[in-house]
Amino acid sequence: MEQHSKQMESIMVHKDGQPVYPIILTDSFDDLESSLAFMTLSKKRVCIVADSRVAELYLEQIRGRFARIAGETYAFTFPAGEAHKTLDTVRTLYEFLIRHSFDRNDVLVALGGGVTGDLTGFAAATYLRGIDFIQMPTTLLSQVDSSIGGKTGVDFDAYKNMVGAFYMPRLVYINVSVLKTLSEDQFASGMGEVIKHGCIRSREYFDWLRENRALIRERQQEALLHTVRESCLIKKAVVEEDPTEKGVRACLNFGHTLGHAIEKEKHFTMSHGACVGAGSLAAAWISCRRGLITEEELQALEELLQYFHIPTSITGLDTERILDAVRHDKKMDSGVIKFILLKEVGCAYIDRTVTAEEMRRSLEWLGRNVHGTEIEKA
């Protein structure tokens, strides 16, 4: 008899007050088949999409589970890495689906990190004007952020997520035990987004992360479950309030305005979460200079980022190229940059007055920053 997880809970995401899809949070894959029962897959084709790295770890196991309950099960793999999050990869996936006669009743499964989830979601949104898809995130970054909320997309000429769609999954299945196979860099990348959630929405969560950082870094299972749960609840609350990013959802972009530009400037050699962490610190520095948060709060953020091996000092940045990338960012609004600042730790807001000079100085500070550097006052 199959042993089912003792650690499973379901968190429902709503839109306009109506349930849209569940997030299953668990510590194994044992409950996958029962979690999918509502989709009635017995007469449907399922295509599991995974990158080459994740395919080696989990593809056969997950394919075997879907084979028990689906009509036909296929797998599509592509080379791992952000460089393959492109329309060319989507085109190849379209061709695969067409060759195997996928129709509107069939299902895609995104098995992997944020690149796989975003790419698969975009393909699902656009193939035959939309087919169902399931998110099975395998990185901390995708579990706490990109798998939730329905934002899908691919990069275009090194501009991140420039082509995309809002398209909700039917299910998000999160197994935190897979986080133990992540590299230190991948785990740190996810923690960049986790820490961001505390900064923008919950001082209590930010303080809990500081107090329990050792257990989290050791990847103790209960600490991982709590971390992922709290981040999911924060992301869910923001997405429900603003499903298509017309208002408050933009606060989830804390650290992203400069983070995306840093990522591009570094030719994607730094992880997304590390760049978000650095961008968050730069945004917090601007918040501090404006007198919104204290130097002590800025230092607490810096120390937490450092503890999880997220860089808090980045040298060799071409600030003018970064500022040019910011001007071309998709978060521009009628020529004005929507920059996310902190009123206080745990409370973010959208600011449209951040100047190029403020961003320039924050990047210069980031370039020469050492722990304990005193923050200049305006």
Protein backbone atom coordinates (compact mmCIF):
# COMPACT_ATOMS: atom_id res chain seq x y z
CA MET A 1 0.00 0.00 0.00
CA GLU A 2 1.37 3.43 -0.95
CA GLN A 3 2.43 5.63 1.96
CA HIS A 4 0.99 9.10 1.64
CA SER A 5 2.60 12.24 2.98
CA LYS A 6 1.77 13.30 6.51
CA GLN A 7 2.57 16.88 5.59
CA MET A 8 0.03 18.03 3.03
CA GLU A 9 -2.14 21.12 2.93
CA SER A 10 -4.10 22.88 0.24
CA ILE A 11 -4.13 26.65 -0.20
CA MET A 12 -6.79 27.93 -2.61
CA VAL A 13 -6.05 30.92 -4.83
CA HIS A 14 -9.09 33.03 -5.72
CA LYS A 15 -9.94 35.57 -8.41
CA ASP A 16 -12.88 37.93 -7.96
CA GLY A 17 -13.86 35.90 -4.92
CA GLN A 18 -14.06 32.63 -6.85
CA PRO A 19 -11.65 29.68 -6.36
CA VAL A 20 -9.29 29.31 -9.33
CA TYR A 21 -6.62 26.76 -8.44
CA PRO A 22 -5.16 25.04 -5.38
CA ILE A 23 -1.57 25.15 -4.19
CA ILE A 24 -0.72 21.75 -2.73
CA LEU A 25 2.10 22.07 -0.21
CA THR A 26 3.66 18.76 0.82
CA ASP A 27 6.92 16.91 1.46
CA SER A 28 6.77 14.18 -1.21
CA PHE A 29 5.21 13.25 -4.56
CA ASP A 30 3.01 10.60 -2.96
CA ASP A 31 -0.18 12.64 -3.11
CA LEU A 32 0.23 13.76 -6.73
CA GLU A 33 -2.28 11.35 -8.26
CA SER A 34 -5.00 12.06 -5.67
CA SER A 35 -4.37 15.82 -6.01
CA LEU A 36 -5.02 15.53 -9.76
CA ALA A 37 -8.26 13.55 -9.47
CA PHE A 38 -10.40 16.65 -10.08
CA MET A 39 -8.86 17.09 -13.57
CA THR A 40 -10.05 13.67 -14.86
CA LEU A 41 -6.95 12.96 -16.96
CA SER A 42 -7.87 9.41 -18.04
CA LYS A 43 -8.73 10.43 -21.63
CA LYS A 44 -6.23 13.25 -21.97
CA ARG A 45 -2.71 13.57 -23.31
CA VAL A 46 -0.19 14.99 -20.86
CA CYS A 47 3.14 16.54 -21.86
CA ILE A 48 5.68 17.00 -19.09
CA VAL A 49 8.06 19.85 -19.90
CA ALA A 50 11.42 19.81 -18.11
CA ASP A 51 14.90 21.14 -18.66
CA SER A 52 17.81 18.74 -19.05
CA ARG A 53 18.95 19.09 -15.43
CA VAL A 54 15.58 18.46 -13.81
CA ALA A 55 14.82 15.67 -16.29
CA GLU A 56 17.76 13.68 -14.93
CA LEU A 57 16.46 13.99 -11.36
CA TYR A 58 12.69 13.67 -11.54
CA LEU A 59 11.30 13.12 -15.03
CA GLU A 60 10.95 9.35 -15.01
CA GLN A 61 9.42 9.32 -11.52
CA ILE A 62 6.83 11.97 -12.45
CA ARG A 63 6.18 10.46 -15.86
CA GLY A 64 5.44 7.14 -14.19
CA ARG A 65 2.91 8.75 -11.86
CA PHE A 66 1.10 10.50 -14.71
CA ALA A 67 1.14 7.29 -16.77
CA ARG A 68 -1.09 5.69 -14.11
CA ILE A 69 -3.85 8.26 -14.49
CA ALA A 70 -3.51 9.90 -17.94
CA GLY A 71 -4.56 8.64 -21.35
CA GLU A 72 -1.11 9.21 -22.90
CA THR A 73 2.02 10.70 -21.35
CA TYR A 74 4.84 12.46 -23.22
CA ALA A 75 7.97 14.33 -22.22
CA PHE A 76 9.55 17.39 -23.82
CA THR A 77 13.01 18.41 -22.63
CA PHE A 78 15.13 21.42 -23.48
CA PRO A 79 18.62 22.60 -22.44
CA ALA A 80 18.80 24.06 -18.94
CA GLY A 81 19.44 27.74 -18.41
CA GLU A 82 17.92 31.20 -18.82
CA ALA A 83 19.48 31.43 -22.29
CA HIS A 84 16.84 28.93 -23.50
CA LYS A 85 13.83 30.82 -22.12
CA THR A 86 13.05 32.09 -25.61
CA LEU A 87 10.46 32.05 -28.36
CA ASP A 88 12.69 29.56 -30.21
CA THR A 89 12.21 27.01 -27.41
CA VAL A 90 8.46 27.71 -27.35
CA ARG A 91 8.36 27.19 -31.12
CA THR A 92 10.03 23.80 -30.71
CA LEU A 93 7.49 22.90 -28.02
CA TYR A 94 4.62 23.94 -30.32
CA GLU A 95 6.00 21.65 -33.03
CA PHE A 96 6.24 18.76 -30.55
CA LEU A 97 2.62 19.26 -29.45
CA ILE A 98 1.38 19.47 -33.03
CA ARG A 99 3.26 16.31 -34.06
CA HIS A 100 1.68 14.43 -31.15
CA SER A 101 -1.82 15.75 -31.90
CA PHE A 102 -2.35 17.71 -28.68
CA ASP A 103 -5.72 19.47 -28.61
CA ARG A 104 -7.52 21.88 -26.30
CA ASN A 105 -8.51 19.12 -23.88
CA ASP A 106 -4.91 18.12 -23.19
CA VAL A 107 -2.52 19.27 -20.49
CA LEU A 108 1.03 20.59 -20.10
CA VAL A 109 3.03 20.04 -16.91
CA ALA A 110 5.84 22.42 -15.98
CA LEU A 111 8.34 20.33 -14.01
CA GLY A 112 11.23 22.52 -12.93
CA GLY A 113 12.23 26.00 -11.94
CA GLY A 114 11.07 29.43 -12.99
CA VAL A 115 12.39 29.17 -16.54
CA THR A 116 10.39 25.99 -17.16
CA GLY A 117 7.28 27.29 -15.43
CA ASP A 118 7.27 30.62 -17.28
CA LEU A 119 7.99 29.02 -20.65
CA THR A 120 5.44 26.21 -20.24
CA GLY A 121 2.78 28.59 -18.98
CA PHE A 122 3.31 30.87 -21.97
CA ALA A 123 3.09 27.92 -24.36
CA ALA A 124 -0.10 26.75 -22.63
CA ALA A 125 -1.61 30.24 -22.85
CA THR A 126 -0.96 30.50 -26.59
CA TYR A 127 -1.20 26.97 -28.01
CA LEU A 128 -4.65 26.65 -29.60
CA ARG A 129 -5.53 29.87 -27.72
CA GLY A 130 -5.10 28.15 -24.40
CA ILE A 131 -4.85 24.66 -22.87
CA ASP A 132 -4.60 23.58 -19.23
CA PHE A 133 -1.28 23.42 -17.45
CA ILE A 134 0.04 22.33 -14.08
CA GLN A 135 2.94 23.85 -12.17
CA MET A 136 5.32 21.47 -10.38
CA PRO A 137 8.07 23.83 -9.18
CA THR A 138 11.34 22.21 -8.12
CA THR A 139 13.39 25.24 -7.01
CA LEU A 140 12.84 27.47 -4.00
CA LEU A 141 12.55 30.48 -6.29
CA SER A 142 9.75 28.93 -8.33
CA GLN A 143 7.97 27.48 -5.30
CA VAL A 144 7.67 30.81 -3.50
CA ASP A 145 7.28 33.10 -6.48
CA SER A 146 7.03 32.33 -10.18
CA SER A 147 4.68 29.32 -10.00
CA ILE A 148 1.99 31.38 -8.27
CA GLY A 149 -0.03 34.16 -9.85
CA GLY A 150 -0.31 33.25 -13.51
CA LYS A 151 2.47 35.44 -14.92
CA THR A 152 4.05 33.59 -17.83
CA GLY A 153 6.57 34.67 -20.43
CA VAL A 154 9.89 34.41 -22.20
CA ASP A 155 12.88 36.67 -22.68
CA PHE A 156 13.36 38.61 -25.89
CA ASP A 157 16.82 39.80 -26.98
CA ALA A 158 18.06 39.63 -23.35
CA TYR A 159 15.11 41.67 -22.03
CA LYS A 160 13.56 39.51 -19.31
CA ASN A 161 9.95 38.38 -19.66
CA MET A 162 9.26 40.95 -22.36
CA VAL A 163 6.81 38.61 -24.13
CA GLY A 164 4.18 36.95 -21.97
CA ALA A 165 0.61 36.53 -20.78
CA PHE A 166 -1.41 36.26 -17.59
CA TYR A 167 -2.61 32.65 -17.56
CA MET A 168 -3.56 30.68 -14.46
CA PRO A 169 -2.49 27.07 -13.87
CA ARG A 170 -5.04 24.43 -12.84
CA LEU A 171 -2.84 23.25 -9.97
CA VAL A 172 0.45 24.13 -8.27
CA TYR A 173 2.03 21.08 -6.63
CA ILE A 174 4.90 21.96 -4.28
CA ASN A 175 7.09 19.23 -2.80
CA VAL A 176 9.59 20.91 -0.46
CA SER A 177 11.76 17.78 -0.14
CA VAL A 178 13.20 18.49 -3.61
CA LEU A 179 14.84 21.62 -2.18
CA LYS A 180 17.45 19.42 -0.54
CA THR A 181 18.90 18.63 -3.99
CA LEU A 182 19.44 22.29 -4.91
CA SER A 183 22.90 23.76 -5.22
CA GLU A 184 23.88 26.49 -2.77
CA ASP A 185 23.52 29.07 -5.55
CA GLN A 186 20.01 27.90 -6.43
CA PHE A 187 18.94 27.93 -2.80
CA ALA A 188 20.40 31.40 -2.31
CA SER A 189 18.53 32.57 -5.39
CA GLY A 190 15.23 31.47 -3.85
CA MET A 191 16.06 33.14 -0.56
CA GLY A 192 16.42 36.44 -2.40
CA GLU A 193 12.69 36.27 -3.20
CA VAL A 194 11.79 34.88 0.26
CA ILE A 195 13.48 37.81 2.00
CA LYS A 196 11.78 40.19 -0.44
CA HIS A 197 8.38 38.89 0.73
CA GLY A 198 9.17 39.79 4.33
CA CYS A 199 10.41 43.22 3.28
CA ILE A 200 7.29 44.15 1.35
CA ARG A 201 4.46 42.58 3.33
CA SER A 202 5.30 41.18 6.76
CA ARG A 203 7.72 42.46 9.39
CA GLU A 204 6.78 39.41 11.48
CA TYR A 205 7.91 37.09 8.67
CA PHE A 206 11.10 39.10 8.13
CA ASP A 207 11.92 38.75 11.84
CA TRP A 208 11.07 35.01 11.77
CA LEU A 209 13.51 34.54 8.87
CA ARG A 210 16.23 36.26 10.88
CA GLU A 211 15.52 34.16 13.97
CA ASN A 212 15.34 30.83 12.10
CA ARG A 213 17.98 31.44 9.45
CA ALA A 214 20.22 28.60 10.64
CA LEU A 215 17.42 26.01 10.35
CA ILE A 216 16.49 27.34 6.92
CA ARG A 217 20.07 27.23 5.65
CA GLU A 218 20.40 23.67 6.98
CA ARG A 219 17.20 22.90 4.98
CA GLN A 220 15.42 21.47 8.00
CA GLN A 221 12.09 20.22 6.66
CA GLU A 222 9.74 22.00 9.08
CA ALA A 223 11.59 25.27 8.51
CA LEU A 224 11.35 24.80 4.74
CA LEU A 225 7.61 24.06 4.96
CA HIS A 226 7.02 27.18 7.05
CA THR A 227 9.16 29.34 4.76
CA VAL A 228 7.43 28.19 1.58
CA ARG A 229 3.97 28.36 3.18
CA GLU A 230 4.41 31.94 4.42
CA SER A 231 5.83 33.13 1.12
CA CYS A 232 3.00 31.42 -0.78
CA LEU A 233 0.42 33.07 1.48
CA ILE A 234 1.98 36.49 0.86
CA LYS A 235 2.16 35.97 -2.90
CA LYS A 236 -1.42 34.60 -2.94
CA ALA A 237 -2.77 37.58 -0.98
CA VAL A 238 -1.15 40.11 -3.32
CA VAL A 239 -2.21 38.24 -6.48
CA GLU A 240 -5.81 37.95 -5.27
CA GLU A 241 -5.91 41.67 -4.56
CA ASP A 242 -4.46 42.56 -7.97
CA PRO A 243 -4.46 39.62 -10.43
CA THR A 244 -3.20 41.54 -13.50
CA GLU A 245 -0.74 43.96 -11.85
CA LYS A 246 -2.76 47.15 -12.14
CA GLY A 247 -1.85 48.30 -8.64
CA VAL A 248 -0.52 46.73 -5.44
CA ARG A 249 0.88 43.63 -7.18
CA ALA A 250 3.66 45.84 -8.50
CA CYS A 251 5.07 45.79 -4.95
CA LEU A 252 6.21 42.23 -5.70
CA ASN A 253 8.75 43.92 -7.99
CA PHE A 254 10.71 45.24 -5.00
CA GLY A 255 14.34 44.81 -5.98
CA HIS A 256 13.47 43.88 -9.56
CA THR A 257 13.83 47.24 -11.32
CA LEU A 258 17.57 47.38 -10.68
CA GLY A 259 17.85 43.61 -10.19
CA HIS A 260 16.74 42.81 -13.74
CA ALA A 261 19.12 45.45 -15.11
CA ILE A 262 22.01 44.04 -13.05
CA GLU A 263 21.14 40.55 -14.30
CA LYS A 264 21.34 41.76 -17.90
CA GLU A 265 24.55 43.74 -17.27
CA LYS A 266 26.13 40.61 -15.80
CA HIS A 267 25.03 38.60 -18.89
CA PHE A 268 22.91 36.32 -16.67
CA THR A 269 26.00 34.96 -14.89
CA MET A 270 24.33 35.86 -11.55
CA SER A 271 21.16 34.06 -10.50
CA HIS A 272 17.85 35.90 -10.67
CA GLY A 273 17.34 35.78 -6.90
CA ALA A 274 20.85 37.05 -6.21
CA CYS A 275 20.18 40.01 -8.51
CA VAL A 276 16.83 40.63 -6.82
CA GLY A 277 18.60 40.56 -3.45
CA ALA A 278 21.15 43.11 -4.63
CA GLY A 279 18.38 45.22 -6.17
CA SER A 280 16.40 44.99 -2.92
CA LEU A 281 19.38 46.25 -0.97
CA ALA A 282 19.82 49.15 -3.40
CA ALA A 283 16.10 50.01 -3.09
CA ALA A 284 16.36 49.79 0.70
CA TRP A 285 19.36 52.14 0.55
CA ILE A 286 17.24 54.70 -1.34
CA SER A 287 14.47 54.19 1.24
CA CYS A 288 17.01 54.79 4.00
CA ARG A 289 18.39 57.94 2.37
CA ARG A 290 14.85 59.27 2.14
CA GLY A 291 14.43 58.70 5.86
CA LEU A 292 11.81 55.96 5.47
CA ILE A 293 13.73 53.09 7.09
CA THR A 294 16.57 53.26 9.59
CA GLU A 295 20.21 52.39 9.09
CA GLU A 296 19.66 49.53 11.53
CA GLU A 297 16.89 48.12 9.35
CA LEU A 298 19.08 48.44 6.26
CA GLN A 299 21.89 46.65 8.07
CA ALA A 300 19.50 43.87 9.21
CA LEU A 301 18.51 43.28 5.58
CA GLU A 302 22.14 43.32 4.49
CA GLU A 303 23.15 40.81 7.16
CA LEU A 304 20.27 38.46 6.29
CA LEU A 305 21.18 38.55 2.59
CA GLN A 306 24.83 37.89 3.43
CA TYR A 307 23.91 34.94 5.66
CA PHE A 308 22.30 33.22 2.68
CA HIS A 309 25.27 34.02 0.44
CA ILE A 310 23.44 36.66 -1.58
CA PRO A 311 25.92 39.32 -2.74
CA THR A 312 25.55 42.69 -1.07
CA SER A 313 28.40 44.28 -2.97
CA ILE A 314 28.73 44.06 -6.74
CA THR A 315 31.69 45.54 -8.54
CA GLY A 316 32.29 46.22 -12.20
CA LEU A 317 28.81 47.60 -12.89
CA ASP A 318 28.37 50.03 -15.77
CA THR A 319 25.78 52.27 -14.14
CA GLU A 320 24.84 54.05 -17.36
CA ARG A 321 24.12 50.77 -19.15
CA ILE A 322 22.05 49.64 -16.17
CA LEU A 323 20.05 52.88 -16.19
CA ASP A 324 19.47 52.46 -19.93
CA ALA A 325 18.17 48.92 -19.30
CA VAL A 326 15.82 50.29 -16.62
CA ARG A 327 14.40 52.76 -19.15
CA HIS A 328 13.51 49.81 -21.42
CA ASP A 329 12.05 47.70 -18.64
CA LYS A 330 8.46 46.47 -19.03
CA LYS A 331 7.61 48.06 -15.66
CA MET A 332 7.79 51.54 -17.20
CA ASP A 333 4.42 53.31 -17.00
CA SER A 334 3.89 56.09 -19.59
CA GLY A 335 7.60 56.85 -19.51
CA VAL A 336 7.77 56.89 -15.69
CA ILE A 337 9.60 54.25 -13.68
CA LYS A 338 7.44 52.51 -11.09
CA PHE A 339 10.02 51.97 -8.37
CA ILE A 340 9.19 50.02 -5.21
CA LEU A 341 10.42 51.50 -1.94
CA LEU A 342 9.83 50.64 1.72
CA LYS A 343 7.79 52.85 4.02
CA GLU A 344 9.09 50.48 6.67
CA VAL A 345 10.23 46.88 6.76
CA GLY A 346 7.08 44.91 5.98
CA CYS A 347 5.37 47.71 4.06
CA ALA A 348 6.25 48.54 0.44
CA TYR A 349 4.75 51.17 -1.84
CA ILE A 350 4.94 52.26 -5.47
CA ASP A 351 6.98 55.42 -5.98
CA ARG A 352 7.12 57.32 -9.27
CA THR A 353 9.62 59.96 -8.18
CA VAL A 354 12.86 57.96 -7.93
CA THR A 355 15.39 59.79 -10.07
CA ALA A 356 18.17 58.48 -12.27
CA GLU A 357 20.62 60.14 -9.87
CA GLU A 358 19.19 58.23 -6.88
CA MET A 359 19.49 54.96 -8.78
CA ARG A 360 23.01 55.88 -9.92
CA ARG A 361 24.12 56.62 -6.37
CA SER A 362 22.53 53.43 -5.02
CA LEU A 363 24.44 51.40 -7.62
CA GLU A 364 27.66 53.21 -6.78
CA TRP A 365 27.05 52.44 -3.09
CA LEU A 366 26.37 48.81 -3.94
CA GLY A 367 29.64 48.70 -5.87
CA ARG A 368 31.74 49.84 -2.95
CA ASN A 369 29.60 48.50 -0.11
CA VAL A 370 31.23 46.64 2.76
CA HIS A 371 29.38 45.42 5.82
CA GLY A 372 29.00 48.21 8.32
CA THR A 373 29.38 51.06 5.84
CA GLU A 374 27.64 54.11 7.23
CA ILE A 375 24.75 55.32 5.09
CA GLU A 376 24.98 58.91 3.96
CA LYS A 377 22.02 61.10 4.74
CA ALA A 378 20.37 63.24 2.09
